[in-house]
């Protein structure tokens, strides 16, 4: 639950931390099996709170 009392709200900081962990673990690959450069990804485009 977020600080304002809403359940399920996502934040850019939370997704960035998750993405950082995925990249540190070398779990995100492109179609050729190469590690994706995480700095090239737009974290804010990976989630929405629109439907909450």
N, C-alpha and C. Protein backbone atom coordinates (compact mmCIF):
# COMPACT_ATOMS: atom_id res chain seq x y z
N UNK A 1 0.85 -1.17 0.00
CA UNK A 1 0.00 0.00 0.00
C UNK A 1 0.90 1.24 0.00
N UNK A 2 0.52 2.22 -0.77
CA UNK A 2 1.30 3.45 -0.84
C UNK A 2 1.02 4.33 0.37
N UNK A 3 1.81 5.36 0.51
CA UNK A 3 1.65 6.28 1.64
C UNK A 3 0.29 6.97 1.65
N UNK A 4 -0.29 7.13 0.46
CA UNK A 4 -1.60 7.80 0.41
C UNK A 4 -2.76 6.82 0.57
N UNK A 5 -2.45 5.55 0.89
CA UNK A 5 -3.49 4.58 1.17
C UNK A 5 -3.99 3.79 -0.01
N UNK A 6 -3.38 3.95 -1.17
CA UNK A 6 -3.80 3.20 -2.36
C UNK A 6 -2.96 1.95 -2.52
N UNK A 7 -3.61 0.84 -2.80
CA UNK A 7 -2.95 -0.43 -2.98
C UNK A 7 -2.57 -0.62 -4.44
N UNK A 8 -1.37 -1.14 -4.71
CA UNK A 8 -0.96 -1.48 -6.07
C UNK A 8 -0.27 -0.38 -6.84
N UNK A 9 -0.05 0.77 -6.23
CA UNK A 9 0.59 1.89 -6.91
C UNK A 9 2.07 1.58 -7.14
N UNK A 10 2.52 1.79 -8.36
CA UNK A 10 3.92 1.58 -8.71
C UNK A 10 4.61 2.92 -8.86
N UNK A 11 5.91 2.93 -8.61
CA UNK A 11 6.70 4.14 -8.75
C UNK A 11 7.89 3.87 -9.66
N UNK A 12 8.40 4.93 -10.25
CA UNK A 12 9.59 4.80 -11.09
C UNK A 12 10.76 4.28 -10.27
N UNK A 13 10.90 4.73 -9.04
CA UNK A 13 12.01 4.28 -8.19
C UNK A 13 11.94 2.78 -7.93
N UNK A 14 10.74 2.26 -7.69
CA UNK A 14 10.58 0.83 -7.44
C UNK A 14 10.93 0.02 -8.69
N UNK A 15 10.45 0.48 -9.85
CA UNK A 15 10.77 -0.23 -11.09
C UNK A 15 12.24 -0.11 -11.43
N UNK A 16 12.85 1.03 -11.14
CA UNK A 16 14.28 1.19 -11.41
C UNK A 16 15.10 0.23 -10.56
N UNK A 17 14.73 0.07 -9.30
CA UNK A 17 15.43 -0.87 -8.43
C UNK A 17 15.28 -2.30 -8.95
N UNK A 18 14.09 -2.66 -9.40
CA UNK A 18 13.85 -3.99 -9.96
C UNK A 18 14.67 -4.19 -11.23
N UNK A 19 14.66 -3.21 -12.11
CA UNK A 19 15.43 -3.29 -13.35
C UNK A 19 16.92 -3.39 -13.06
N UNK A 20 17.41 -2.62 -12.10
CA UNK A 20 18.82 -2.69 -11.73
C UNK A 20 19.19 -4.10 -11.28
N UNK A 21 18.33 -4.72 -10.47
CA UNK A 21 18.59 -6.07 -9.98
C UNK A 21 18.59 -7.06 -11.15
N UNK A 22 17.61 -6.95 -12.04
CA UNK A 22 17.55 -7.85 -13.20
C UNK A 22 18.83 -7.75 -14.02
N UNK A 23 19.30 -6.53 -14.21
CA UNK A 23 20.51 -6.34 -15.02
C UNK A 23 21.75 -6.86 -14.29
N UNK A 24 21.83 -6.64 -13.00
CA UNK A 24 22.96 -7.16 -12.22
C UNK A 24 23.02 -8.68 -12.28
N UNK A 25 21.87 -9.33 -12.39
CA UNK A 25 21.80 -10.79 -12.45
C UNK A 25 21.93 -11.31 -13.89
N UNK A 26 22.06 -10.40 -14.86
CA UNK A 26 22.18 -10.75 -16.28
C UNK A 26 20.97 -11.57 -16.76
N UNK A 27 19.79 -11.17 -16.34
CA UNK A 27 18.56 -11.88 -16.69
C UNK A 27 17.85 -11.32 -17.91
N UNK A 28 18.19 -10.11 -18.31
CA UNK A 28 17.50 -9.46 -19.43
C UNK A 28 18.36 -9.56 -20.68
N UNK A 29 17.86 -10.31 -21.67
CA UNK A 29 18.61 -10.58 -22.89
C UNK A 29 17.85 -10.08 -24.11
N UNK A 30 18.59 -9.77 -25.17
CA UNK A 30 17.95 -9.42 -26.42
C UNK A 30 17.69 -10.69 -27.23
N UNK A 31 17.21 -10.55 -28.46
CA UNK A 31 16.86 -11.71 -29.27
C UNK A 31 18.07 -12.55 -29.67
N UNK A 32 19.28 -12.00 -29.53
CA UNK A 32 20.51 -12.73 -29.84
C UNK A 32 21.14 -13.35 -28.60
N UNK A 33 20.48 -13.17 -27.46
CA UNK A 33 21.01 -13.73 -26.22
C UNK A 33 22.03 -12.86 -25.52
N UNK A 34 22.19 -11.63 -25.98
CA UNK A 34 23.14 -10.69 -25.38
C UNK A 34 22.46 -9.90 -24.27
N UNK A 35 23.23 -9.52 -23.26
CA UNK A 35 22.69 -8.68 -22.19
C UNK A 35 22.16 -7.37 -22.76
N UNK A 36 20.99 -6.96 -22.29
CA UNK A 36 20.43 -5.67 -22.68
C UNK A 36 21.10 -4.59 -21.84
N UNK A 37 21.45 -3.48 -22.47
CA UNK A 37 22.02 -2.34 -21.76
C UNK A 37 20.88 -1.63 -21.06
N UNK A 38 20.82 -1.79 -19.76
CA UNK A 38 19.67 -1.29 -19.00
C UNK A 38 19.55 0.23 -19.01
N UNK A 39 20.66 0.93 -19.18
CA UNK A 39 20.60 2.39 -19.23
C UNK A 39 19.84 2.87 -20.46
N UNK A 40 19.66 1.99 -21.45
CA UNK A 40 18.97 2.39 -22.67
C UNK A 40 17.46 2.22 -22.57
N UNK A 41 16.97 1.67 -21.46
CA UNK A 41 15.54 1.41 -21.30
C UNK A 41 14.82 2.56 -20.62
N UNK A 42 13.60 2.82 -21.05
CA UNK A 42 12.76 3.87 -20.46
C UNK A 42 11.90 3.24 -19.37
N UNK A 43 12.35 3.36 -18.13
CA UNK A 43 11.67 2.73 -17.00
C UNK A 43 10.24 3.22 -16.87
N UNK A 44 9.98 4.46 -17.11
CA UNK A 44 8.63 5.01 -16.94
C UNK A 44 7.63 4.42 -17.94
N UNK A 45 8.12 3.81 -19.02
CA UNK A 45 7.23 3.18 -20.00
C UNK A 45 6.92 1.73 -19.65
N UNK A 46 7.47 1.23 -18.55
CA UNK A 46 7.31 -0.18 -18.18
C UNK A 46 6.12 -0.45 -17.26
N UNK A 47 5.46 0.59 -16.81
CA UNK A 47 4.34 0.41 -15.90
C UNK A 47 3.35 1.55 -16.04
N UNK A 48 2.17 1.32 -15.51
CA UNK A 48 1.15 2.38 -15.47
C UNK A 48 0.33 2.24 -14.18
N UNK A 49 -0.13 3.33 -13.69
CA UNK A 49 -1.06 3.35 -12.56
C UNK A 49 -2.45 3.77 -13.04
N UNK A 50 -2.63 3.82 -14.34
CA UNK A 50 -3.85 4.31 -14.96
C UNK A 50 -5.09 3.53 -14.53
N UNK A 51 -4.97 2.26 -14.27
CA UNK A 51 -6.14 1.43 -14.02
C UNK A 51 -6.43 1.20 -12.53
N UNK A 52 -5.75 1.94 -11.67
CA UNK A 52 -5.96 1.77 -10.24
C UNK A 52 -7.12 2.60 -9.75
